[in-house]
N, C-alpha and C. Protein backbone atom coordinates (compact mmCIF):
# COMPACT_ATOMS: atom_id res chain seq x y z
N MET A 1 90.58 44.86 66.85
CA MET A 1 89.38 45.19 67.61
C MET A 1 88.78 46.47 67.04
N SER A 2 87.49 46.55 67.10
CA SER A 2 86.79 47.73 66.58
C SER A 2 86.98 48.92 67.50
N SER A 3 86.57 50.09 67.03
CA SER A 3 86.69 51.28 67.86
C SER A 3 85.82 51.11 69.11
N PRO A 4 86.17 51.80 70.18
CA PRO A 4 85.44 51.62 71.44
C PRO A 4 83.97 51.99 71.32
N ARG A 5 83.13 51.10 71.80
CA ARG A 5 81.68 51.37 71.88
C ARG A 5 81.21 51.34 73.32
N VAL A 6 82.06 50.80 74.19
CA VAL A 6 81.77 50.77 75.63
C VAL A 6 82.88 51.51 76.35
N GLY A 7 82.48 52.46 77.17
CA GLY A 7 83.44 53.17 78.01
C GLY A 7 83.36 52.61 79.42
N ILE A 8 84.47 52.10 79.91
CA ILE A 8 84.54 51.59 81.28
C ILE A 8 85.26 52.65 82.10
N VAL A 9 84.63 53.06 83.18
CA VAL A 9 85.18 54.13 84.01
C VAL A 9 85.28 53.62 85.45
N VAL A 10 86.40 53.90 86.08
CA VAL A 10 86.58 53.53 87.48
C VAL A 10 87.01 54.76 88.27
N GLY A 11 86.69 54.77 89.53
CA GLY A 11 87.01 55.91 90.36
C GLY A 11 88.41 55.91 90.91
N SER A 12 89.08 54.76 90.84
CA SER A 12 90.41 54.65 91.41
C SER A 12 91.19 53.56 90.70
N GLU A 13 92.50 53.71 90.66
CA GLU A 13 93.35 52.68 90.04
C GLU A 13 93.19 51.33 90.72
N SER A 14 92.84 51.32 91.99
CA SER A 14 92.66 50.05 92.71
C SER A 14 91.45 49.27 92.18
N ASP A 15 90.57 49.93 91.43
CA ASP A 15 89.39 49.28 90.84
C ASP A 15 89.69 48.61 89.50
N LEU A 16 90.85 48.90 88.93
CA LEU A 16 91.17 48.40 87.59
C LEU A 16 91.18 46.87 87.47
N PRO A 17 91.76 46.12 88.40
CA PRO A 17 91.79 44.67 88.21
C PRO A 17 90.40 44.05 88.04
N ALA A 18 89.46 44.45 88.87
CA ALA A 18 88.10 43.90 88.75
C ALA A 18 87.44 44.34 87.45
N MET A 19 87.59 45.60 87.09
CA MET A 19 86.88 46.13 85.93
C MET A 19 87.51 45.73 84.60
N ARG A 20 88.77 45.31 84.62
CA ARG A 20 89.37 44.78 83.38
C ARG A 20 88.67 43.50 82.95
N LEU A 21 88.06 42.80 83.91
CA LEU A 21 87.30 41.59 83.57
C LEU A 21 86.12 41.93 82.66
N CYS A 22 85.56 43.11 82.86
CA CYS A 22 84.48 43.59 81.97
C CYS A 22 85.02 43.68 80.55
N GLY A 23 86.19 44.24 80.40
CA GLY A 23 86.82 44.36 79.08
C GLY A 23 87.11 43.01 78.46
N GLU A 24 87.55 42.06 79.27
CA GLU A 24 87.84 40.72 78.74
C GLU A 24 86.59 40.07 78.16
N VAL A 25 85.46 40.22 78.83
CA VAL A 25 84.21 39.67 78.30
C VAL A 25 83.79 40.41 77.03
N LEU A 26 83.95 41.72 77.01
CA LEU A 26 83.63 42.48 75.80
C LEU A 26 84.50 42.01 74.63
N ASP A 27 85.76 41.69 74.91
CA ASP A 27 86.64 41.15 73.87
C ASP A 27 86.06 39.86 73.28
N GLU A 28 85.49 39.02 74.13
CA GLU A 28 84.92 37.76 73.66
C GLU A 28 83.76 38.00 72.69
N TYR A 29 83.07 39.10 72.85
CA TYR A 29 81.98 39.48 71.94
C TYR A 29 82.49 40.24 70.72
N GLY A 30 83.75 40.62 70.73
CA GLY A 30 84.28 41.43 69.64
C GLY A 30 83.87 42.89 69.73
N ILE A 31 83.59 43.35 70.93
CA ILE A 31 83.14 44.73 71.15
C ILE A 31 84.32 45.56 71.66
N GLY A 32 84.60 46.66 70.96
CA GLY A 32 85.68 47.54 71.38
C GLY A 32 85.31 48.30 72.64
N TRP A 33 86.32 48.54 73.48
CA TRP A 33 86.10 49.24 74.74
C TRP A 33 87.34 50.06 75.10
N GLU A 34 87.12 50.99 76.01
CA GLU A 34 88.21 51.77 76.57
C GLU A 34 88.02 51.81 78.08
N ILE A 35 89.08 52.09 78.80
CA ILE A 35 88.97 52.19 80.25
C ILE A 35 89.69 53.45 80.72
N ALA A 36 89.10 54.12 81.70
CA ALA A 36 89.66 55.36 82.21
C ALA A 36 89.44 55.43 83.71
N VAL A 37 90.37 56.09 84.39
CA VAL A 37 90.26 56.34 85.82
C VAL A 37 89.92 57.81 86.01
N MET A 38 88.81 58.05 86.71
CA MET A 38 88.42 59.43 87.01
C MET A 38 87.51 59.43 88.23
N SER A 39 87.58 60.45 89.01
CA SER A 39 86.84 60.50 90.26
C SER A 39 85.75 61.56 90.20
N ALA A 40 84.54 61.15 90.54
CA ALA A 40 83.42 62.09 90.61
C ALA A 40 83.64 63.11 91.72
N HIS A 41 84.45 62.75 92.73
CA HIS A 41 84.67 63.64 93.86
C HIS A 41 85.94 64.48 93.72
N ARG A 42 87.01 63.85 93.22
CA ARG A 42 88.30 64.55 93.16
C ARG A 42 88.52 65.31 91.85
N ALA A 43 87.84 64.91 90.80
CA ALA A 43 88.01 65.58 89.50
C ALA A 43 86.68 65.62 88.74
N PRO A 44 85.69 66.29 89.30
CA PRO A 44 84.37 66.29 88.66
C PRO A 44 84.37 66.89 87.26
N GLU A 45 85.28 67.84 86.99
CA GLU A 45 85.32 68.45 85.66
C GLU A 45 85.78 67.43 84.61
N VAL A 46 86.62 66.48 84.98
CA VAL A 46 87.05 65.44 84.07
C VAL A 46 85.89 64.50 83.75
N VAL A 47 85.13 64.14 84.78
CA VAL A 47 83.96 63.28 84.59
C VAL A 47 82.93 63.98 83.70
N ARG A 48 82.70 65.25 83.94
CA ARG A 48 81.74 66.01 83.13
C ARG A 48 82.17 66.02 81.66
N SER A 49 83.43 66.27 81.41
CA SER A 49 83.94 66.32 80.05
C SER A 49 83.81 64.95 79.37
N TYR A 50 84.21 63.90 80.07
CA TYR A 50 84.13 62.55 79.51
C TYR A 50 82.68 62.19 79.17
N ALA A 51 81.78 62.41 80.12
CA ALA A 51 80.37 62.06 79.92
C ALA A 51 79.75 62.85 78.78
N SER A 52 80.07 64.12 78.69
CA SER A 52 79.44 64.96 77.67
C SER A 52 79.99 64.68 76.27
N GLN A 53 81.18 64.10 76.16
CA GLN A 53 81.77 63.79 74.86
C GLN A 53 81.61 62.32 74.44
N ALA A 54 81.17 61.48 75.36
CA ALA A 54 81.15 60.02 75.11
C ALA A 54 80.35 59.64 73.87
N GLU A 55 79.15 60.13 73.74
CA GLU A 55 78.30 59.76 72.60
C GLU A 55 78.91 60.23 71.28
N ALA A 56 79.39 61.45 71.24
CA ALA A 56 79.98 61.99 70.01
C ALA A 56 81.24 61.22 69.61
N ARG A 57 81.93 60.62 70.58
CA ARG A 57 83.12 59.84 70.29
C ARG A 57 82.80 58.41 69.86
N GLY A 58 81.51 58.06 69.82
CA GLY A 58 81.12 56.74 69.35
C GLY A 58 80.79 55.73 70.42
N LEU A 59 80.92 56.12 71.67
CA LEU A 59 80.54 55.20 72.74
C LEU A 59 79.02 55.06 72.75
N ARG A 60 78.54 53.88 73.13
CA ARG A 60 77.11 53.61 73.15
C ARG A 60 76.61 53.16 74.51
N VAL A 61 77.53 52.71 75.36
CA VAL A 61 77.19 52.28 76.71
C VAL A 61 78.35 52.67 77.62
N LEU A 62 78.02 53.12 78.83
CA LEU A 62 79.04 53.41 79.84
C LEU A 62 78.89 52.41 80.98
N VAL A 63 80.02 51.90 81.45
CA VAL A 63 80.05 51.01 82.60
C VAL A 63 80.94 51.69 83.63
N ALA A 64 80.41 51.85 84.83
CA ALA A 64 81.17 52.54 85.87
C ALA A 64 81.29 51.66 87.10
N GLY A 65 82.52 51.40 87.50
CA GLY A 65 82.78 50.66 88.72
C GLY A 65 83.18 51.62 89.82
N ALA A 66 82.56 51.45 90.98
CA ALA A 66 82.85 52.37 92.08
C ALA A 66 82.58 51.69 93.41
N GLY A 67 83.37 52.06 94.40
CA GLY A 67 83.18 51.55 95.74
C GLY A 67 82.81 52.66 96.69
N ALA A 68 82.61 52.31 97.94
CA ALA A 68 82.27 53.25 99.02
C ALA A 68 81.02 54.06 98.67
N ALA A 69 81.14 55.38 98.57
CA ALA A 69 79.97 56.22 98.29
C ALA A 69 79.44 55.98 96.89
N ALA A 70 80.29 55.55 95.98
CA ALA A 70 79.90 55.08 94.64
C ALA A 70 79.04 56.05 93.85
N HIS A 71 79.45 57.31 93.80
CA HIS A 71 78.68 58.30 93.05
C HIS A 71 78.98 58.31 91.56
N LEU A 72 80.07 57.73 91.13
CA LEU A 72 80.49 57.82 89.73
C LEU A 72 79.41 57.35 88.74
N PRO A 73 78.79 56.18 88.91
CA PRO A 73 77.76 55.78 87.93
C PRO A 73 76.61 56.78 87.84
N GLY A 74 76.14 57.27 88.96
CA GLY A 74 75.04 58.22 88.95
C GLY A 74 75.41 59.55 88.33
N VAL A 75 76.62 60.00 88.59
CA VAL A 75 77.08 61.26 87.99
C VAL A 75 77.15 61.10 86.47
N LEU A 76 77.71 59.99 86.00
CA LEU A 76 77.75 59.75 84.55
C LEU A 76 76.34 59.73 83.97
N ALA A 77 75.42 59.06 84.65
CA ALA A 77 74.03 58.98 84.15
C ALA A 77 73.37 60.35 84.13
N SER A 78 73.75 61.22 85.04
CA SER A 78 73.16 62.56 85.06
C SER A 78 73.71 63.46 83.96
N LEU A 79 74.88 63.11 83.42
CA LEU A 79 75.55 63.96 82.45
C LEU A 79 75.51 63.43 81.02
N SER A 80 75.11 62.18 80.83
CA SER A 80 75.14 61.57 79.50
C SER A 80 73.80 60.93 79.17
N PRO A 81 73.40 60.98 77.90
CA PRO A 81 72.16 60.29 77.51
C PRO A 81 72.36 58.79 77.31
N LEU A 82 73.60 58.31 77.39
CA LEU A 82 73.88 56.90 77.16
C LEU A 82 73.43 56.04 78.33
N PRO A 83 73.11 54.77 78.07
CA PRO A 83 72.81 53.88 79.20
C PRO A 83 74.07 53.69 80.04
N VAL A 84 73.87 53.66 81.35
CA VAL A 84 74.97 53.49 82.30
C VAL A 84 74.70 52.23 83.12
N ILE A 85 75.73 51.40 83.23
CA ILE A 85 75.68 50.20 84.05
C ILE A 85 76.65 50.42 85.20
N GLY A 86 76.15 50.32 86.43
CA GLY A 86 76.97 50.51 87.60
C GLY A 86 77.42 49.18 88.19
N VAL A 87 78.69 49.11 88.53
CA VAL A 87 79.26 47.92 89.17
C VAL A 87 79.73 48.32 90.57
N PRO A 88 79.03 47.88 91.61
CA PRO A 88 79.49 48.17 92.97
C PRO A 88 80.76 47.37 93.26
N LEU A 89 81.74 48.03 93.86
CA LEU A 89 82.99 47.36 94.17
C LEU A 89 83.24 47.37 95.67
N ALA A 90 83.78 46.27 96.15
CA ALA A 90 84.09 46.14 97.57
C ALA A 90 85.41 46.84 97.85
N GLY A 91 85.39 47.78 98.75
CA GLY A 91 86.62 48.48 99.09
C GLY A 91 86.56 49.04 100.49
N THR A 92 85.49 48.72 101.18
CA THR A 92 85.29 49.24 102.53
C THR A 92 84.96 48.06 103.45
N PRO A 93 84.88 48.29 104.74
CA PRO A 93 84.49 47.22 105.65
C PRO A 93 83.09 46.65 105.38
N LEU A 94 82.28 47.36 104.59
CA LEU A 94 80.94 46.87 104.26
C LEU A 94 80.94 45.96 103.03
N SER A 95 82.10 45.68 102.48
CA SER A 95 82.27 44.70 101.39
C SER A 95 81.45 45.00 100.14
N GLY A 96 81.25 46.25 99.85
CA GLY A 96 80.54 46.63 98.64
C GLY A 96 79.05 46.87 98.83
N PHE A 97 78.51 46.54 100.01
CA PHE A 97 77.08 46.75 100.24
C PHE A 97 76.75 48.23 100.20
N ASP A 98 77.64 49.07 100.73
CA ASP A 98 77.44 50.51 100.68
C ASP A 98 77.41 51.01 99.23
N ALA A 99 78.31 50.49 98.41
CA ALA A 99 78.36 50.88 97.00
C ALA A 99 77.10 50.41 96.27
N LEU A 100 76.67 49.19 96.57
CA LEU A 100 75.45 48.67 95.95
C LEU A 100 74.26 49.59 96.23
N LEU A 101 74.09 49.97 97.48
CA LEU A 101 72.96 50.85 97.82
C LEU A 101 73.09 52.22 97.15
N SER A 102 74.30 52.74 97.09
CA SER A 102 74.49 54.05 96.44
C SER A 102 74.14 54.01 94.96
N ILE A 103 74.52 52.92 94.29
CA ILE A 103 74.30 52.84 92.85
C ILE A 103 72.85 52.52 92.51
N VAL A 104 72.25 51.63 93.26
CA VAL A 104 70.91 51.17 92.91
C VAL A 104 69.81 52.19 93.28
N GLN A 105 70.10 53.09 94.22
CA GLN A 105 69.09 54.03 94.69
C GLN A 105 69.13 55.36 93.96
N MET A 106 69.02 55.33 92.65
CA MET A 106 69.04 56.56 91.86
C MET A 106 67.63 57.16 91.80
N PRO A 107 67.56 58.49 91.72
CA PRO A 107 66.24 59.12 91.64
C PRO A 107 65.59 58.88 90.28
N PRO A 108 64.27 58.96 90.22
CA PRO A 108 63.57 58.77 88.93
C PRO A 108 64.12 59.72 87.87
N GLY A 109 64.32 59.18 86.67
CA GLY A 109 64.80 59.96 85.55
C GLY A 109 66.31 59.90 85.37
N VAL A 110 67.02 59.30 86.32
CA VAL A 110 68.47 59.15 86.22
C VAL A 110 68.80 57.67 86.48
N PRO A 111 68.40 56.81 85.54
CA PRO A 111 68.57 55.38 85.78
C PRO A 111 70.01 54.90 85.63
N VAL A 112 70.38 53.98 86.50
CA VAL A 112 71.64 53.27 86.40
C VAL A 112 71.31 51.78 86.57
N ALA A 113 71.56 51.00 85.55
CA ALA A 113 71.39 49.55 85.69
C ALA A 113 72.48 49.08 86.63
N THR A 114 72.13 48.28 87.61
CA THR A 114 73.09 47.87 88.62
C THR A 114 73.24 46.36 88.62
N VAL A 115 74.48 45.90 88.63
CA VAL A 115 74.78 44.47 88.63
C VAL A 115 75.38 44.09 89.98
N ALA A 116 75.82 42.86 90.09
CA ALA A 116 76.36 42.34 91.34
C ALA A 116 77.64 43.05 91.76
N VAL A 117 78.01 42.87 93.00
CA VAL A 117 79.22 43.46 93.56
C VAL A 117 80.45 42.72 93.03
N GLY A 118 81.47 43.47 92.65
CA GLY A 118 82.78 42.91 92.36
C GLY A 118 82.95 42.29 90.99
N GLU A 119 83.81 41.27 90.95
CA GLU A 119 84.20 40.66 89.68
C GLU A 119 83.03 40.05 88.92
N MET A 120 82.10 39.41 89.63
CA MET A 120 80.93 38.85 88.96
C MET A 120 80.11 39.97 88.31
N GLY A 121 79.98 41.08 89.00
CA GLY A 121 79.26 42.22 88.46
C GLY A 121 79.96 42.82 87.26
N ALA A 122 81.29 42.88 87.31
CA ALA A 122 82.05 43.43 86.17
C ALA A 122 81.81 42.58 84.93
N ARG A 123 81.82 41.27 85.09
CA ARG A 123 81.56 40.38 83.94
C ARG A 123 80.12 40.56 83.44
N ASN A 124 79.17 40.60 84.37
CA ASN A 124 77.77 40.75 83.95
C ASN A 124 77.51 42.11 83.33
N ALA A 125 78.24 43.13 83.73
CA ALA A 125 78.09 44.43 83.09
C ALA A 125 78.44 44.32 81.60
N ALA A 126 79.46 43.55 81.29
CA ALA A 126 79.83 43.35 79.88
C ALA A 126 78.75 42.59 79.13
N HIS A 127 78.20 41.56 79.75
CA HIS A 127 77.12 40.81 79.09
C HIS A 127 75.90 41.70 78.86
N LEU A 128 75.57 42.54 79.83
CA LEU A 128 74.45 43.46 79.67
C LEU A 128 74.74 44.49 78.59
N ALA A 129 75.94 45.03 78.57
CA ALA A 129 76.31 45.99 77.52
C ALA A 129 76.19 45.34 76.15
N ALA A 130 76.60 44.08 76.03
CA ALA A 130 76.48 43.38 74.74
C ALA A 130 75.01 43.25 74.34
N ARG A 131 74.15 42.92 75.28
CA ARG A 131 72.72 42.80 74.96
C ARG A 131 72.12 44.15 74.54
N ILE A 132 72.57 45.21 75.18
CA ILE A 132 72.09 46.55 74.79
C ILE A 132 72.54 46.86 73.36
N LEU A 133 73.82 46.63 73.08
CA LEU A 133 74.34 46.89 71.75
C LEU A 133 73.71 45.98 70.70
N ALA A 134 73.34 44.78 71.09
CA ALA A 134 72.72 43.82 70.16
C ALA A 134 71.41 44.34 69.59
N LEU A 135 70.75 45.23 70.29
CA LEU A 135 69.47 45.77 69.80
C LEU A 135 69.64 46.52 68.47
N GLY A 136 70.83 47.05 68.22
CA GLY A 136 71.04 47.81 66.99
C GLY A 136 72.18 47.29 66.13
N ASP A 137 72.70 46.11 66.48
CA ASP A 137 73.84 45.58 65.74
C ASP A 137 73.67 44.08 65.54
N PRO A 138 73.37 43.66 64.31
CA PRO A 138 73.13 42.23 64.05
C PRO A 138 74.34 41.34 64.38
N ASP A 139 75.55 41.84 64.21
CA ASP A 139 76.74 41.04 64.53
C ASP A 139 76.83 40.78 66.04
N VAL A 140 76.57 41.80 66.82
CA VAL A 140 76.59 41.61 68.27
C VAL A 140 75.42 40.72 68.69
N ALA A 141 74.26 40.89 68.05
CA ALA A 141 73.12 40.03 68.37
C ALA A 141 73.46 38.56 68.11
N THR A 142 74.14 38.29 67.02
CA THR A 142 74.57 36.92 66.73
C THR A 142 75.54 36.42 67.79
N ALA A 143 76.49 37.26 68.17
CA ALA A 143 77.46 36.87 69.19
C ALA A 143 76.77 36.57 70.52
N VAL A 144 75.76 37.35 70.87
CA VAL A 144 75.01 37.11 72.12
C VAL A 144 74.28 35.78 72.03
N ARG A 145 73.62 35.51 70.89
CA ARG A 145 72.91 34.23 70.72
C ARG A 145 73.88 33.05 70.82
N VAL A 146 75.01 33.16 70.15
CA VAL A 146 76.00 32.08 70.18
C VAL A 146 76.48 31.86 71.61
N ARG A 147 76.78 32.93 72.32
CA ARG A 147 77.25 32.81 73.70
C ARG A 147 76.21 32.13 74.58
N ARG A 148 74.96 32.48 74.41
CA ARG A 148 73.88 31.86 75.20
C ARG A 148 73.74 30.38 74.86
N GLN A 149 73.87 30.03 73.58
CA GLN A 149 73.80 28.63 73.18
C GLN A 149 74.97 27.84 73.77
N GLU A 150 76.15 28.44 73.79
CA GLU A 150 77.32 27.79 74.38
C GLU A 150 77.11 27.53 75.87
N MET A 151 76.55 28.49 76.57
CA MET A 151 76.29 28.31 78.00
C MET A 151 75.26 27.21 78.21
N SER A 152 74.22 27.20 77.38
CA SER A 152 73.18 26.17 77.49
C SER A 152 73.74 24.79 77.20
N ALA A 153 74.66 24.69 76.26
CA ALA A 153 75.23 23.39 75.90
C ALA A 153 76.06 22.80 77.03
N ARG A 154 76.51 23.64 77.95
CA ARG A 154 77.31 23.14 79.08
C ARG A 154 76.46 22.58 80.21
N VAL A 155 75.14 22.77 80.11
CA VAL A 155 74.24 22.24 81.14
C VAL A 155 74.13 20.73 80.95
N ARG A 156 74.28 20.01 82.03
CA ARG A 156 74.19 18.55 81.98
C ARG A 156 73.07 18.09 82.89
N LEU A 157 72.06 17.45 82.30
CA LEU A 157 70.94 16.90 83.06
C LEU A 157 71.12 15.41 83.24
N PRO A 158 70.55 14.86 84.29
CA PRO A 158 70.63 13.41 84.48
C PRO A 158 69.96 12.68 83.32
N GLU A 159 70.48 11.53 83.02
CA GLU A 159 69.91 10.72 81.94
C GLU A 159 68.44 10.43 82.24
N GLY A 160 67.63 10.52 81.20
CA GLY A 160 66.20 10.25 81.35
C GLY A 160 65.35 11.49 81.54
N PHE A 161 65.98 12.64 81.79
CA PHE A 161 65.21 13.87 81.94
C PHE A 161 64.92 14.44 80.57
N ASP A 162 63.72 14.99 80.40
CA ASP A 162 63.29 15.56 79.13
C ASP A 162 62.85 17.01 79.37
N VAL A 163 63.39 17.90 78.59
CA VAL A 163 63.04 19.31 78.74
C VAL A 163 62.13 19.80 77.61
N SER A 164 61.60 18.89 76.82
CA SER A 164 60.72 19.31 75.72
C SER A 164 59.48 19.98 76.29
N GLY A 165 59.03 20.97 75.57
CA GLY A 165 57.85 21.72 76.01
C GLY A 165 58.15 22.64 77.17
N GLY A 166 59.40 22.78 77.53
CA GLY A 166 59.75 23.72 78.58
C GLY A 166 59.61 23.16 79.98
N ALA A 167 59.03 21.97 80.13
CA ALA A 167 58.85 21.40 81.46
C ALA A 167 59.86 20.27 81.65
N LEU A 168 60.43 20.20 82.80
CA LEU A 168 61.37 19.14 83.13
C LEU A 168 60.58 17.94 83.62
N GLU A 169 60.75 16.84 82.93
CA GLU A 169 60.01 15.62 83.28
C GLU A 169 60.97 14.47 83.50
N ALA A 170 60.59 13.55 84.37
CA ALA A 170 61.40 12.36 84.62
C ALA A 170 60.96 11.23 83.68
């Protein structure tokens, strides 16, 4: 595997199972990644150090999974020039809705791309990171195209349907 280009960060060890799915999808694209546990609330100096060194270490995208107050993605976005993708995680009685609102409601100038709650979001964060990296890497762009073609090939339409010209006709 290549050197890490995506940094996956979680606020707690309990978030690791869901966020490892992000890494598994990145593996399918051949994109190197790393994962770290750090808390924006309990160890802000660690988060600051990680975010400020990420670009120089070769990372190009940060993915942050967080539940409850979910400040980790926003803190990373405030400290790093890299694109940040936030994954809301369910860990409270609100089933991740609180995390979703915390991540998606960033102030202007501190953007965090936000995906779905939980495991589906972790996987989509990897797909989004691949598309971001594809803008500057022809190999990743090819991998993204191939993956999209594979997904399209799995679609099964009833016999007699024609999708030529973009319109579905009987």
